[in-house]
Amino acid sequence: MEDLTQEEWAEQLANDDKAVVLDVRTDAEVADGIIPNAIHIDFYLGDGFVDKVDELDKSKNYYVYCRSGNRSGQACAIMEDLGFENAYNLEGGMLDWTGDIVDA
């Protein structure tokens, strides 16, 4: 797992052909907008979150975000435990995000 600044995250994401964006916020938070092409899996699903994440393709590179960067950091740690090699946490989350947002 690696914590990336907004700039690092956006630049690395733009140049990664194996990138998957993962939003781990709640449904209510997602209703306010989502980063384009993100997959949404609510971190607060508990074991359900772990089960859904474990079904994802481990050969991809995951760019994970939440509202502030806390839950996404925890999600990256879980993903690492599940065998994901590349999970990148967005420092500051959506609170600091200055990139594009689309309706969920």
PDB file of N, CA and C in Angstrom:
ATOM      1  N   MET A   1       0.835  -1.183   0.000  1.00  0.00           N
ATOM      2  CA  MET A   1       0.000   0.000   0.000  1.00  0.00           C
ATOM      3  C   MET A   1       0.873   1.238   0.000  1.00  0.00           C
ATOM      4  N   GLU A   2       0.409   2.232  -0.694  1.00  0.00           N
ATOM      5  CA  GLU A   2       1.154   3.479  -0.750  1.00  0.00           C
ATOM      6  C   GLU A   2       0.172   4.640  -0.663  1.00  0.00           C
ATOM      7  N   ASP A   3       0.498   5.620   0.187  1.00  0.00           N
ATOM      8  CA  ASP A   3      -0.294   6.847   0.254  1.00  0.00           C
ATOM      9  C   ASP A   3       0.228   7.803  -0.805  1.00  0.00           C
ATOM     10  N   LEU A   4      -0.680   8.325  -1.625  1.00  0.00           N
ATOM     11  CA  LEU A   4      -0.295   9.258  -2.674  1.00  0.00           C
ATOM     12  C   LEU A   4      -1.015  10.588  -2.488  1.00  0.00           C
ATOM     13  N   THR A   5      -0.305  11.672  -2.788  1.00  0.00           N
ATOM     14  CA  THR A   5      -0.944  12.979  -2.772  1.00  0.00           C
ATOM     15  C   THR A   5      -1.930  13.043  -3.941  1.00  0.00           C
ATOM     16  N   GLN A   6      -2.770  14.060  -3.940  1.00  0.00           N
ATOM     17  CA  GLN A   6      -3.722  14.243  -5.035  1.00  0.00           C
ATOM     18  C   GLN A   6      -3.001  14.236  -6.389  1.00  0.00           C
ATOM     19  N   GLU A   7      -1.906  14.982  -6.463  1.00  0.00           N
ATOM     20  CA  GLU A   7      -1.171  15.111  -7.725  1.00  0.00           C
ATOM     21  C   GLU A   7      -0.557  13.782  -8.142  1.00  0.00           C
ATOM     22  N   GLU A   8       0.084  13.091  -7.204  1.00  0.00           N
ATOM     23  CA  GLU A   8       0.707  11.796  -7.503  1.00  0.00           C
ATOM     24  C   GLU A   8      -0.345  10.779  -7.952  1.00  0.00           C
ATOM     25  N   TRP A   9      -1.456  10.763  -7.238  1.00  0.00           N
ATOM     26  CA  TRP A   9      -2.539   9.810  -7.506  1.00  0.00           C
ATOM     27  C   TRP A   9      -3.093  10.024  -8.909  1.00  0.00           C
ATOM     28  N   ALA A  10      -3.418  11.281  -9.234  1.00  0.00           N
ATOM     29  CA  ALA A  10      -3.995  11.609 -10.542  1.00  0.00           C
ATOM     30  C   ALA A  10      -3.015  11.324 -11.679  1.00  0.00           C
ATOM     31  N   GLU A  11      -1.743  11.672 -11.479  1.00  0.00           N
ATOM     32  CA  GLU A  11      -0.742  11.460 -12.524  1.00  0.00           C
ATOM     33  C   GLU A  11      -0.495   9.975 -12.750  1.00  0.00           C
ATOM     34  N   GLN A  12      -0.341   9.231 -11.669  1.00  0.00           N
ATOM     35  CA  GLN A  12      -0.084   7.797 -11.781  1.00  0.00           C
ATOM     36  C   GLN A  12      -1.294   7.094 -12.402  1.00  0.00           C
ATOM     37  N   LEU A  13      -2.492   7.497 -11.981  1.00  0.00           N
ATOM     38  CA  LEU A  13      -3.719   6.917 -12.520  1.00  0.00           C
ATOM     39  C   LEU A  13      -3.823   7.147 -14.027  1.00  0.00           C
ATOM     40  N   ALA A  14      -3.504   8.344 -14.466  1.00  0.00           N
ATOM     41  CA  ALA A  14      -3.614   8.698 -15.889  1.00  0.00           C
ATOM     42  C   ALA A  14      -2.666   7.885 -16.761  1.00  0.00           C
ATOM     43  N   ASN A  15      -1.562   7.398 -16.190  1.00  0.00           N
ATOM     44  CA  ASN A  15      -0.552   6.673 -16.954  1.00  0.00           C
ATOM     45  C   ASN A  15      -0.544   5.174 -16.679  1.00  0.00           C
ATOM     46  N   ASP A  16      -1.617   4.659 -16.082  1.00  0.00           N
ATOM     47  CA  ASP A  16      -1.669   3.253 -15.665  1.00  0.00           C
ATOM     48  C   ASP A  16      -2.758   2.522 -16.448  1.00  0.00           C
ATOM     49  N   ASP A  17      -2.350   1.632 -17.350  1.00  0.00           N
ATOM     50  CA  ASP A  17      -3.338   0.921 -18.162  1.00  0.00           C
ATOM     51  C   ASP A  17      -3.959  -0.272 -17.427  1.00  0.00           C
ATOM     52  N   LYS A  18      -3.523  -0.519 -16.204  1.00  0.00           N
ATOM     53  CA  LYS A  18      -4.112  -1.576 -15.381  1.00  0.00           C
ATOM     54  C   LYS A  18      -4.838  -0.986 -14.171  1.00  0.00           C
ATOM     55  N   ALA A  19      -5.219   0.292 -14.276  1.00  0.00           N
ATOM     56  CA  ALA A  19      -5.804   1.003 -13.141  1.00  0.00           C
ATOM     57  C   ALA A  19      -7.288   0.704 -12.960  1.00  0.00           C
ATOM     58  N   VAL A  20      -7.684   0.586 -11.694  1.00  0.00           N
ATOM     59  CA  VAL A  20      -9.088   0.502 -11.301  1.00  0.00           C
ATOM     60  C   VAL A  20      -9.270   1.482 -10.144  1.00  0.00           C
ATOM     61  N   VAL A  21     -10.273   2.367 -10.265  1.00  0.00           N
ATOM     62  CA  VAL A  21     -10.561   3.317  -9.195  1.00  0.00           C
ATOM     63  C   VAL A  21     -11.636   2.700  -8.309  1.00  0.00           C
ATOM     64  N   LEU A  22     -11.390   2.701  -7.002  1.00  0.00           N
ATOM     65  CA  LEU A  22     -12.304   2.094  -6.041  1.00  0.00           C
ATOM     66  C   LEU A  22     -12.741   3.126  -5.011  1.00  0.00           C
ATOM     67  N   ASP A  23     -14.048   3.360  -4.947  1.00  0.00           N
ATOM     68  CA  ASP A  23     -14.661   4.288  -3.991  1.00  0.00           C
ATOM     69  C   ASP A  23     -15.210   3.462  -2.836  1.00  0.00           C
ATOM     70  N   VAL A  24     -14.747   3.721  -1.606  1.00  0.00           N
ATOM     71  CA  VAL A  24     -15.187   2.927  -0.456  1.00  0.00           C
ATOM     72  C   VAL A  24     -16.106   3.723   0.476  1.00  0.00           C
ATOM     73  N   ARG A  25     -16.696   4.803  -0.036  1.00  0.00           N
ATOM     74  CA  ARG A  25     -17.596   5.624   0.771  1.00  0.00           C
ATOM     75  C   ARG A  25     -18.986   4.987   0.884  1.00  0.00           C
ATOM     76  N   THR A  26     -19.822   5.599   1.721  1.00  0.00           N
ATOM     77  CA  THR A  26     -21.202   5.137   1.883  1.00  0.00           C
ATOM     78  C   THR A  26     -22.040   5.560   0.682  1.00  0.00           C
ATOM     79  N   ASP A  27     -23.211   4.957   0.538  1.00  0.00           N
ATOM     80  CA  ASP A  27     -24.129   5.328  -0.546  1.00  0.00           C
ATOM     81  C   ASP A  27     -24.475   6.814  -0.478  1.00  0.00           C
ATOM     82  N   ALA A  28     -24.694   7.334   0.729  1.00  0.00           N
ATOM     83  CA  ALA A  28     -25.049   8.748   0.883  1.00  0.00           C
ATOM     84  C   ALA A  28     -23.919   9.651   0.403  1.00  0.00           C
ATOM     85  N   GLU A  29     -22.680   9.279   0.704  1.00  0.00           N
ATOM     86  CA  GLU A  29     -21.530  10.069   0.255  1.00  0.00           C
ATOM     87  C   GLU A  29     -21.382  10.007  -1.262  1.00  0.00           C
ATOM     88  N   VAL A  30     -21.590   8.836  -1.830  1.00  0.00           N
ATOM     89  CA  VAL A  30     -21.469   8.647  -3.268  1.00  0.00           C
ATOM     90  C   VAL A  30     -22.528   9.473  -4.008  1.00  0.00           C
ATOM     91  N   ALA A  31     -23.674   9.677  -3.391  1.00  0.00           N
ATOM     92  CA  ALA A  31     -24.750  10.455  -4.011  1.00  0.00           C
ATOM     93  C   ALA A  31     -24.309  11.888  -4.311  1.00  0.00           C
ATOM     94  N   ASP A  32     -23.279  12.365  -3.626  1.00  0.00           N
ATOM     95  CA  ASP A  32     -22.754  13.718  -3.855  1.00  0.00           C
ATOM     96  C   ASP A  32     -21.817  13.783  -5.062  1.00  0.00           C
ATOM     97  N   GLY A  33     -21.521  12.639  -5.663  1.00  0.00           N
ATOM     98  CA  GLY A  33     -20.640  12.597  -6.824  1.00  0.00           C
ATOM     99  C   GLY A  33     -19.533  11.581  -6.622  1.00  0.00           C
ATOM    100  N   ILE A  34     -18.997  11.125  -7.743  1.00  0.00           N
ATOM    101  CA  ILE A  34     -18.005  10.051  -7.731  1.00  0.00           C
ATOM    102  C   ILE A  34     -16.932  10.361  -8.787  1.00  0.00           C
ATOM    103  N   ILE A  35     -15.722   9.906  -8.541  1.00  0.00           N
ATOM    104  CA  ILE A  35     -14.665  10.074  -9.533  1.00  0.00           C
ATOM    105  C   ILE A  35     -15.028   9.209 -10.744  1.00  0.00           C
ATOM    106  N   PRO A  36     -14.891   9.738 -11.967  1.00  0.00           N
ATOM    107  CA  PRO A  36     -15.309   8.995 -13.161  1.00  0.00           C
ATOM    108  C   PRO A  36     -14.748   7.569 -13.219  1.00  0.00           C
ATOM    109  N   ASN A  37     -15.610   6.638 -13.609  1.00  0.00           N
ATOM    110  CA  ASN A  37     -15.268   5.223 -13.802  1.00  0.00           C
ATOM    111  C   ASN A  37     -14.938   4.466 -12.530  1.00  0.00           C
ATOM    112  N   ALA A  38     -15.241   5.033 -11.366  1.00  0.00           N
ATOM    113  CA  ALA A  38     -14.946   4.342 -10.105  1.00  0.00           C
ATOM    114  C   ALA A  38     -15.946   3.220  -9.850  1.00  0.00           C
ATOM    115  N   ILE A  39     -15.445   2.164  -9.219  1.00  0.00           N
ATOM    116  CA  ILE A  39     -16.275   1.076  -8.704  1.00  0.00           C
ATOM    117  C   ILE A  39     -16.595   1.459  -7.255  1.00  0.00           C
ATOM    118  N   HIS A  40     -17.841   1.230  -6.827  1.00  0.00           N
ATOM    119  CA  HIS A  40     -18.215   1.577  -5.456  1.00  0.00           C
ATOM    120  C   HIS A  40     -18.449   0.316  -4.638  1.00  0.00           C
ATOM    121  N   ILE A  41     -17.688   0.183  -3.547  1.00  0.00           N
ATOM    122  CA  ILE A  41     -17.918  -0.876  -2.563  1.00  0.00           C
ATOM    123  C   ILE A  41     -17.824  -0.213  -1.185  1.00  0.00           C
ATOM    124  N   ASP A  42     -18.935  -0.151  -0.466  1.00  0.00           N
ATOM    125  CA  ASP A  42     -19.001   0.531   0.825  1.00  0.00           C
ATOM    126  C   ASP A  42     -18.134  -0.185   1.868  1.00  0.00           C
ATOM    127  N   PHE A  43     -17.169   0.551   2.428  1.00  0.00           N
ATOM    128  CA  PHE A  43     -16.268  -0.010   3.437  1.00  0.00           C
ATOM    129  C   PHE A  43     -17.033  -0.520   4.654  1.00  0.00           C
ATOM    130  N   TYR A  44     -18.149   0.146   4.975  1.00  0.00           N
ATOM    131  CA  TYR A  44     -18.910  -0.215   6.168  1.00  0.00           C
ATOM    132  C   TYR A  44     -19.749  -1.489   6.001  1.00  0.00           C
ATOM    133  N   LEU A  45     -19.606  -2.190   4.886  1.00  0.00           N
ATOM    134  CA  LEU A  45     -20.281  -3.483   4.729  1.00  0.00           C
ATOM    135  C   LEU A  45     -19.610  -4.570   5.575  1.00  0.00           C
ATOM    136  N   GLY A  46     -18.464  -4.251   6.181  1.00  0.00           N
ATOM    137  CA  GLY A  46     -17.776  -5.210   7.041  1.00  0.00           C
ATOM    138  C   GLY A  46     -17.287  -6.411   6.258  1.00  0.00           C
ATOM    139  N   ASP A  47     -17.742  -7.618   6.673  1.00  0.00           N
ATOM    140  CA  ASP A  47     -17.323  -8.838   5.978  1.00  0.00           C
ATOM    141  C   ASP A  47     -17.771  -8.815   4.519  1.00  0.00           C
ATOM    142  N   GLY A  48     -18.889  -8.167   4.245  1.00  0.00           N
ATOM    143  CA  GLY A  48     -19.368  -8.045   2.871  1.00  0.00           C
ATOM    144  C   GLY A  48     -18.382  -7.273   2.014  1.00  0.00           C
ATOM    145  N   PHE A  49     -17.764  -6.249   2.610  1.00  0.00           N
ATOM    146  CA  PHE A  49     -16.737  -5.479   1.904  1.00  0.00           C
ATOM    147  C   PHE A  49     -15.562  -6.393   1.558  1.00  0.00           C
ATOM    148  N   VAL A  50     -15.093  -7.149   2.528  1.00  0.00           N
ATOM    149  CA  VAL A  50     -13.960  -8.054   2.316  1.00  0.00           C
ATOM    150  C   VAL A  50     -14.290  -9.060   1.220  1.00  0.00           C
ATOM    151  N   ASP A  51     -15.500  -9.627   1.277  1.00  0.00           N
ATOM    152  CA  ASP A  51     -15.910 -10.614   0.272  1.00  0.00           C
ATOM    153  C   ASP A  51     -15.926 -10.014  -1.136  1.00  0.00           C
ATOM    154  N   LYS A  52     -16.498  -8.809  -1.274  1.00  0.00           N
ATOM    155  CA  LYS A  52     -16.595  -8.173  -2.591  1.00  0.00           C
ATOM    156  C   LYS A  52     -15.217  -7.790  -3.127  1.00  0.00           C
ATOM    157  N   VAL A  53     -14.367  -7.257  -2.257  1.00  0.00           N
ATOM    158  CA  VAL A  53     -13.021  -6.870  -2.680  1.00  0.00           C
ATOM    159  C   VAL A  53     -12.225  -8.107  -3.095  1.00  0.00           C
ATOM    160  N   ASP A  54     -12.402  -9.194  -2.368  1.00  0.00           N
ATOM    161  CA  ASP A  54     -11.656 -10.419  -2.660  1.00  0.00           C
ATOM    162  C   ASP A  54     -12.008 -10.984  -4.041  1.00  0.00           C
ATOM    163  N   GLU A  55     -13.164 -10.601  -4.593  1.00  0.00           N
ATOM    164  CA  GLU A  55     -13.575 -11.053  -5.921  1.00  0.00           C
ATOM    165  C   GLU A  55     -12.917 -10.240  -7.038  1.00  0.00           C
ATOM    166  N   LEU A  56     -12.296  -9.106  -6.707  1.00  0.00           N
ATOM    167  CA  LEU A  56     -11.680  -8.250  -7.720  1.00  0.00           C
ATOM    168  C   LEU A  56     -10.407  -8.887  -8.285  1.00  0.00           C
ATOM    169  N   ASP A  57     -10.022  -8.458  -9.473  1.00  0.00           N
ATOM    170  CA  ASP A  57      -8.840  -8.964 -10.164  1.00  0.00           C
ATOM    171  C   ASP A  57      -7.571  -8.457  -9.470  1.00  0.00           C
ATOM    172  N   LYS A  58      -6.834  -9.360  -8.850  1.00  0.00           N
ATOM    173  CA  LYS A  58      -5.644  -8.976  -8.087  1.00  0.00           C
ATOM    174  C   LYS A  58      -4.470  -8.540  -8.969  1.00  0.00           C
ATOM    175  N   SER A  59      -4.577  -8.744 -10.279  1.00  0.00           N
ATOM    176  CA  SER A  59      -3.490  -8.326 -11.167  1.00  0.00           C
ATOM    177  C   SER A  59      -3.598  -6.847 -11.554  1.00  0.00           C
ATOM    178  N   LYS A  60      -4.683  -6.199 -11.164  1.00  0.00           N
ATOM    179  CA  LYS A  60      -4.882  -4.773 -11.476  1.00  0.00           C
ATOM    180  C   LYS A  60      -4.252  -3.905 -10.392  1.00  0.00           C
ATOM    181  N   ASN A  61      -4.167  -2.611 -10.690  1.00  0.00           N
ATOM    182  CA  ASN A  61      -3.662  -1.619  -9.733  1.00  0.00           C
ATOM    183  C   ASN A  61      -4.855  -0.800  -9.241  1.00  0.00           C
ATOM    184  N   TYR A  62      -5.048  -0.745  -7.935  1.00  0.00           N
ATOM    185  CA  TYR A  62      -6.244  -0.115  -7.371  1.00  0.00           C
ATOM    186  C   TYR A  62      -5.928   1.238  -6.749  1.00  0.00           C
ATOM    187  N   TYR A  63      -6.708   2.218  -7.169  1.00  0.00           N
ATOM    188  CA  TYR A  63      -6.607   3.587  -6.665  1.00  0.00           C
ATOM    189  C   TYR A  63      -7.843   3.804  -5.799  1.00  0.00           C
ATOM    190  N   VAL A  64      -7.621   3.820  -4.483  1.00  0.00           N
ATOM    191  CA  VAL A  64      -8.714   3.752  -3.521  1.00  0.00           C
ATOM    192  C   VAL A  64      -8.905   5.101  -2.842  1.00  0.00           C
ATOM    193  N   TYR A  65     -10.178   5.493  -2.699  1.00  0.00           N
ATOM    194  CA  TYR A  65     -10.465   6.754  -2.018  1.00  0.00           C
ATOM    195  C   TYR A  65     -11.746   6.671  -1.202  1.00  0.00           C
ATOM    196  N   CYS A  66     -11.838   7.577  -0.230  1.00  0.00           N
ATOM    197  CA  CYS A  66     -13.037   7.739   0.580  1.00  0.00           C
ATOM    198  C   CYS A  66     -13.253   9.243   0.774  1.00  0.00           C
ATOM    199  N   ARG A  67     -13.897   9.626   1.850  1.00  0.00           N
ATOM    200  CA  ARG A  67     -14.154  11.042   2.076  1.00  0.00           C
ATOM    201  C   ARG A  67     -12.890  11.782   2.488  1.00  0.00           C
ATOM    202  N   SER A  68     -12.115  11.180   3.421  1.00  0.00           N
ATOM    203  CA  SER A  68     -10.962  11.897   3.973  1.00  0.00           C
ATOM    204  C   SER A  68      -9.620  11.189   3.816  1.00  0.00           C
ATOM    205  N   GLY A  69      -9.636   9.922   3.407  1.00  0.00           N
ATOM    206  CA  GLY A  69      -8.401   9.161   3.271  1.00  0.00           C
ATOM    207  C   GLY A  69      -8.197   8.132   4.359  1.00  0.00           C
ATOM    208  N   ASN A  70      -9.056   8.133   5.380  1.00  0.00           N
ATOM    209  CA  ASN A  70      -8.909   7.201   6.495  1.00  0.00           C
ATOM    210  C   ASN A  70      -9.423   5.801   6.141  1.00  0.00           C
ATOM    211  N   ARG A  71     -10.696   5.709   5.757  1.00  0.00           N
ATOM    212  CA  ARG A  71     -11.258   4.398   5.391  1.00  0.00           C
ATOM    213  C   ARG A  71     -10.525   3.789   4.210  1.00  0.00           C
ATOM    214  N   SER A  72     -10.140   4.627   3.237  1.00  0.00           N
ATOM    215  CA  SER A  72      -9.439   4.084   2.069  1.00  0.00           C
ATOM    216  C   SER A  72      -8.077   3.525   2.460  1.00  0.00           C
ATOM    217  N   GLY A  73      -7.423   4.134   3.442  1.00  0.00           N
ATOM    218  CA  GLY A  73      -6.162   3.592   3.951  1.00  0.00           C
ATOM    219  C   GLY A  73      -6.373   2.226   4.578  1.00  0.00           C
ATOM    220  N   GLN A  74      -7.455   2.103   5.360  1.00  0.00           N
ATOM    221  CA  GLN A  74      -7.788   0.813   5.970  1.00  0.00           C
ATOM    222  C   GLN A  74      -8.141  -0.211   4.893  1.00  0.00           C
ATOM    223  N   ALA A  75      -8.868   0.247   3.861  1.00  0.00           N
ATOM    224  CA  ALA A  75      -9.247  -0.644   2.758  1.00  0.00           C
ATOM    225  C   ALA A  75      -8.000  -1.157   2.047  1.00  0.00           C
ATOM    226  N   CYS A  76      -7.028  -0.283   1.826  1.00  0.00           N
ATOM    227  CA  CYS A  76      -5.773  -0.696   1.172  1.00  0.00           C
ATOM    228  C   CYS A  76      -5.048  -1.748   2.000  1.00  0.00           C
ATOM    229  N   ALA A  77      -5.060  -1.586   3.325  1.00  0.00           N
ATOM    230  CA  ALA A  77      -4.412  -2.563   4.207  1.00  0.00           C
ATOM    231  C   ALA A  77      -5.112  -3.917   4.103  1.00  0.00           C
ATOM    232  N   ILE A  78      -6.439  -3.906   4.063  1.00  0.00           N
ATOM    233  CA  ILE A  78      -7.207  -5.147   3.900  1.00  0.00           C
ATOM    234  C   ILE A  78      -6.871  -5.786   2.559  1.00  0.00           C
ATOM    235  N   MET A  79      -6.813  -4.954   1.525  1.00  0.00           N
ATOM    236  CA  MET A  79      -6.503  -5.478   0.187  1.00  0.00           C
ATOM    237  C   MET A  79      -5.120  -6.115   0.162  1.00  0.00           C
ATOM    238  N   GLU A  80      -4.176  -5.502   0.841  1.00  0.00           N
ATOM    239  CA  GLU A  80      -2.826  -6.062   0.917  1.00  0.00           C
ATOM    240  C   GLU A  80      -2.868  -7.435   1.588  1.00  0.00           C
ATOM    241  N   ASP A  81      -3.650  -7.543   2.679  1.00  0.00           N
ATOM    242  CA  ASP A  81      -3.799  -8.821   3.382  1.00  0.00           C
ATOM    243  C   ASP A  81      -4.433  -9.887   2.489  1.00  0.00           C
ATOM    244  N   LEU A  82      -5.274  -9.454   1.546  1.00  0.00           N
ATOM    245  CA  LEU A  82      -5.954 -10.382   0.641  1.00  0.00           C
ATOM    246  C   LEU A  82      -5.102 -10.771  -0.570  1.00  0.00           C
ATOM    247  N   GLY A  83      -3.905 -10.167  -0.683  1.00  0.00           N
ATOM    248  CA  GLY A  83      -3.003 -10.544  -1.759  1.00  0.00           C
ATOM    249  C   GLY A  83      -2.898  -9.551  -2.905  1.00  0.00           C
ATOM    250  N   PHE A  84      -3.508  -8.378  -2.745  1.00  0.00           N
ATOM    251  CA  PHE A  84      -3.362  -7.346  -3.773  1.00  0.00           C
ATOM    252  C   PHE A  84      -1.974  -6.729  -3.636  1.00  0.00           C
ATOM    253  N   GLU A  85      -1.261  -6.600  -4.755  1.00  0.00           N
ATOM    254  CA  GLU A  85       0.094  -6.054  -4.696  1.00  0.00           C
ATOM    255  C   GLU A  85       0.134  -4.542  -4.820  1.00  0.00           C
ATOM    256  N   ASN A  86      -0.853  -3.959  -5.528  1.00  0.00           N
ATOM    257  CA  ASN A  86      -0.814  -2.525  -5.778  1.00  0.00           C
ATOM    258  C   ASN A  86      -2.129  -1.854  -5.411  1.00  0.00           C
ATOM    259  N   ALA A  87      -2.153  -1.261  -4.229  1.00  0.00           N
ATOM    260  CA  ALA A  87      -3.309  -0.490  -3.773  1.00  0.00           C
ATOM    261  C   ALA A  87      -2.781   0.864  -3.317  1.00  0.00           C
ATOM    262  N   TYR A  88      -3.336   1.920  -3.903  1.00  0.00           N
ATOM    263  CA  TYR A  88      -2.867   3.278  -3.633  1.00  0.00           C
ATOM    264  C   TYR A  88      -3.966   4.090  -2.966  1.00  0.00           C
ATOM    265  N   ASN A  89      -3.646   4.645  -1.815  1.00  0.00           N
ATOM    266  CA  ASN A  89      -4.594   5.436  -1.039  1.00  0.00           C
ATOM    267  C   ASN A  89      -4.489   6.909  -1.419  1.00  0.00           C
ATOM    268  N   LEU A  90      -5.646   7.537  -1.659  1.00  0.00           N
ATOM    269  CA  LEU A  90      -5.692   8.960  -1.972  1.00  0.00           C
ATOM    270  C   LEU A  90      -5.680   9.765  -0.681  1.00  0.00           C
ATOM    271  N   GLU A  91      -4.554  10.413  -0.394  1.00  0.00           N
ATOM    272  CA  GLU A  91      -4.443  11.246   0.805  1.00  0.00           C
ATOM    273  C   GLU A  91      -5.439  12.394   0.732  1.00  0.00           C
ATOM    274  N   GLY A  92      -6.181  12.598   1.816  1.00  0.00           N
ATOM    275  CA  GLY A  92      -7.138  13.692   1.865  1.00  0.00           C
ATOM    276  C   GLY A  92      -8.482  13.371   1.252  1.00  0.00           C
ATOM    277  N   GLY A  93      -8.568  12.265   0.528  1.00  0.00           N
ATOM    278  CA  GLY A  93      -9.834  11.809  -0.032  1.00  0.00           C
ATOM    279  C   GLY A  93     -10.581  12.849  -0.840  1.00  0.00           C
ATOM    280  N   MET A  94     -11.903  12.697  -0.863  1.00  0.00           N
ATOM    281  CA  MET A  94     -12.748  13.606  -1.643  1.00  0.00           C
ATOM    282  C   MET A  94     -12.750  15.022  -1.075  1.00  0.00           C
ATOM    283  N   LEU A  95     -12.442  15.150   0.201  1.00  0.00           N
ATOM    284  CA  LEU A  95     -12.405  16.496   0.795  1.00  0.00           C
ATOM    285  C   LEU A  95     -11.377  17.384   0.102  1.00  0.00           C
ATOM    286  N   ASP A  96     -10.281  16.790  -0.355  1.00  0.00           N
ATOM    287  CA  ASP A  96      -9.212  17.544  -1.005  1.00  0.00           C
ATOM    288  C   ASP A  96      -9.189  17.368  -2.523  1.00  0.00           C
ATOM    289  N   TRP A  97     -10.049  16.512  -3.071  1.00  0.00           N
ATOM    290  CA  TRP A  97     -10.023  16.184  -4.483  1.00  0.00           C
ATOM    291  C   TRP A  97     -10.380  17.399  -5.336  1.00  0.00           C
ATOM    292  N   THR A  98      -9.557  17.676  -6.328  1.00  0.00           N
ATOM    293  CA  THR A  98      -9.810  18.806  -7.227  1.00  0.00           C
ATOM    294  C   THR A  98     -10.064  18.355  -8.664  1.00  0.00           C
ATOM    295  N   GLY A  99     -10.053  17.040  -8.871  1.00  0.00           N
ATOM    296  CA  GLY A  99     -10.286  16.494 -10.212  1.00  0.00           C
ATOM    297  C   GLY A  99     -11.763  16.400 -10.542  1.00  0.00           C
ATOM    298  N   ASP A 100     -12.048  15.701 -11.626  1.00  0.00           N
ATOM    299  CA  ASP A 100     -13.419  15.552 -12.108  1.00  0.00           C
ATOM    300  C   ASP A 100     -14.269  14.721 -11.160  1.00  0.00           C
ATOM    301  N   ILE A 101     -15.547  15.082 -11.105  1.00  0.00           N
ATOM    302  CA  ILE A 101     -16.556  14.331 -10.344  1.00  0.00           C
ATOM    303  C   ILE A 101     -17.788  14.231 -11.242  1.00  0.00           C
ATOM    304  N   VAL A 102     -18.403  13.044 -11.240  1.00  0.00           N
ATOM    305  CA  VAL A 102     -19.627  12.831 -12.015  1.00  0.00           C
ATOM    306  C   VAL A 102     -20.726  12.330 -11.083  1.00  0.00           C
ATOM    307  N   ASP A 103     -21.974  12.409 -11.536  1.00  0.00           N
ATOM    308  CA  ASP A 103     -23.074  11.875 -10.756  1.00  0.00           C
ATOM    309  C   ASP A 103     -22.965  10.361 -10.707  1.00  0.00           C
ATOM    310  N   ALA A 104     -23.264   9.808  -9.559  1.00  0.00           N
ATOM    311  CA  ALA A 104     -23.180   8.351  -9.387  1.00  0.00           C
ATOM    312  C   ALA A 104     -24.294   7.645 -10.133  1.00  0.00           C
TER     313      ALA A 104
END
